[in-house]
Protein backbone atom coordinates (compact mmCIF):
# COMPACT_ATOMS: atom_id res chain seq x y z
CA UNK A 1 -80.42 183.16 11.64
CA UNK A 2 -83.77 182.45 10.01
CA UNK A 3 -86.55 184.99 10.46
CA UNK A 4 -90.05 183.62 10.12
CA UNK A 5 -93.05 185.93 9.80
CA UNK A 6 -96.61 184.80 10.51
CA UNK A 7 -99.79 186.53 9.39
CA UNK A 8 -103.50 185.85 9.14
CA UNK A 9 -104.57 185.61 12.76
CA UNK A 10 -107.66 187.32 14.11
CA UNK A 11 -111.11 186.82 15.55
CA UNK A 12 -113.32 184.06 14.12
CA UNK A 13 -116.62 182.57 15.21
CA UNK A 14 -117.06 179.04 16.47
CA UNK A 15 -117.31 176.77 13.42
CA UNK A 16 -115.66 179.29 11.11
CA UNK A 17 -112.46 179.22 9.10
CA UNK A 18 -109.16 181.06 9.11
CA UNK A 19 -105.90 180.68 7.19
CA UNK A 20 -102.52 181.43 8.70
CA UNK A 21 -99.45 182.13 6.56
CA UNK A 22 -95.75 181.96 7.35
CA UNK A 23 -92.95 183.33 5.21
CA UNK A 24 -89.91 181.06 5.23
CA UNK A 25 -87.06 182.98 3.60
CA UNK A 26 -83.90 181.60 2.08
CA UNK A 27 -82.98 178.22 0.69
CA UNK A 28 -84.69 175.15 2.12
CA UNK A 29 -82.76 171.92 2.69
CA UNK A 30 -84.02 168.38 2.23
CA UNK A 31 -83.87 167.69 5.97
CA UNK A 32 -85.80 170.81 6.98
CA UNK A 33 -89.07 170.35 8.79
CA UNK A 34 -91.61 173.12 9.22
CA UNK A 35 -94.64 173.32 11.40
CA UNK A 36 -97.13 175.18 13.52
CA UNK A 37 -97.32 175.25 17.30
CA UNK A 38 -99.74 177.08 19.54
CA UNK A 39 -99.83 178.33 23.10
CA UNK A 40 -103.01 179.12 24.98
CA UNK A 41 -102.98 181.33 28.10
CA UNK A 42 -101.62 179.43 31.09
CA UNK A 43 -100.74 176.38 29.00
CA UNK A 44 -97.59 174.94 27.51
CA UNK A 45 -96.77 175.37 23.85
CA UNK A 46 -98.08 172.40 21.87
CA UNK A 47 -97.60 170.95 18.43
CA UNK A 48 -100.37 171.57 15.90
CA UNK A 49 -98.95 170.19 12.64
CA UNK A 50 -95.69 169.61 10.78
CA UNK A 51 -94.68 169.23 7.15
CA UNK A 52 -91.47 168.10 5.49
CA UNK A 53 -89.89 169.25 2.25
CA UNK A 54 -91.45 166.19 0.60
CA UNK A 55 -94.89 167.23 1.90
CA UNK A 56 -95.23 164.54 4.54
CA UNK A 57 -97.61 165.89 7.15
CA UNK A 58 -98.36 165.15 10.77
CA UNK A 59 -101.17 166.51 12.95
CA UNK A 60 -102.08 166.67 16.60
CA UNK A 61 -105.13 164.53 17.35
CA UNK A 62 -107.03 167.62 18.47
CA UNK A 63 -106.91 169.19 14.98
CA UNK A 64 -106.99 166.15 12.68
CA UNK A 65 -109.69 166.47 10.06
CA UNK A 66 -110.13 170.19 10.76
CA UNK A 67 -106.74 171.79 10.05
CA UNK A 68 -104.58 171.41 6.96
CA UNK A 69 -100.90 172.31 6.73
CA UNK A 70 -99.39 173.03 3.33
CA UNK A 71 -96.31 174.53 1.78
CA UNK A 72 -95.75 176.59 -1.35
CA UNK A 73 -92.07 176.21 -2.15
CA UNK A 74 -92.09 178.63 -5.06
CA UNK A 75 -93.36 181.46 -2.88
CA UNK A 76 -91.48 180.32 0.22
CA UNK A 77 -94.64 180.16 2.27
CA UNK A 78 -96.29 177.73 4.62
CA UNK A 79 -99.98 177.76 5.48
CA UNK A 80 -102.34 176.45 8.14
CA UNK A 81 -105.93 176.22 6.95
CA UNK A 82 -108.15 176.11 10.02
CA UNK A 83 -111.72 174.90 9.46
CA UNK A 84 -114.50 174.11 11.93
CA UNK A 85 -112.62 176.04 14.60
CA UNK A 86 -113.58 175.69 18.26
CA UNK A 87 -113.15 178.02 21.25
CA UNK A 88 -110.41 175.70 22.52
CA UNK A 89 -108.38 176.56 19.41
CA UNK A 90 -107.87 180.06 20.85
CA UNK A 91 -104.12 180.58 21.22
CA UNK A 92 -101.06 182.32 19.86
CA UNK A 93 -99.91 180.35 16.82
CA UNK A 94 -96.23 180.11 15.95
CA UNK A 95 -94.61 178.84 12.79
CA UNK A 96 -91.36 177.01 13.20
CA UNK A 97 -88.47 175.68 11.15
CA UNK A 98 -86.27 172.86 12.41
CA UNK A 99 -82.89 172.67 10.71
CA UNK A 100 -79.91 170.61 11.90
CA UNK A 101 -81.40 170.37 15.40
CA UNK A 102 -81.88 174.14 15.57
CA UNK A 103 -85.41 175.48 16.04
CA UNK A 104 -86.39 178.84 14.60
CA UNK A 105 -89.64 180.56 15.60
CA UNK A 106 -91.82 183.32 14.29
CA UNK A 107 -93.18 186.03 16.56
CA UNK A 108 -96.62 184.44 16.75
CA UNK A 109 -100.09 185.47 15.64
CA UNK A 110 -103.17 185.53 17.87
CA UNK A 111 -106.20 183.44 16.95
CA UNK A 112 -109.35 183.98 18.99
CA UNK A 113 -112.45 181.82 18.48
CA UNK A 114 -115.66 183.28 19.88
CA UNK A 115 -118.48 181.03 21.02
């Protein structure tokens, strides 16, 4: 069992910035893939961004050019830098680890963008 812990959510104004962090404990494997998802009220959970051990990244079209995913292997952390946020970015954000077809999730952190 892998326990992921997110932090850094909160209230931010339209056009502002916020950085989310996720602690990814234990040893990472070359096939691991990490990422961020989000779920807005009344909507399905959706992919925000993913990153591999080799730092290959992928982004949803809705956040490209505004959000940046990164990973600090030494400190076993993953980040989501959110810039130029919009009210439609309001959601609960979850970090995730995919390992050998198993998906592990954090508890989620609320991000609210005020207009």
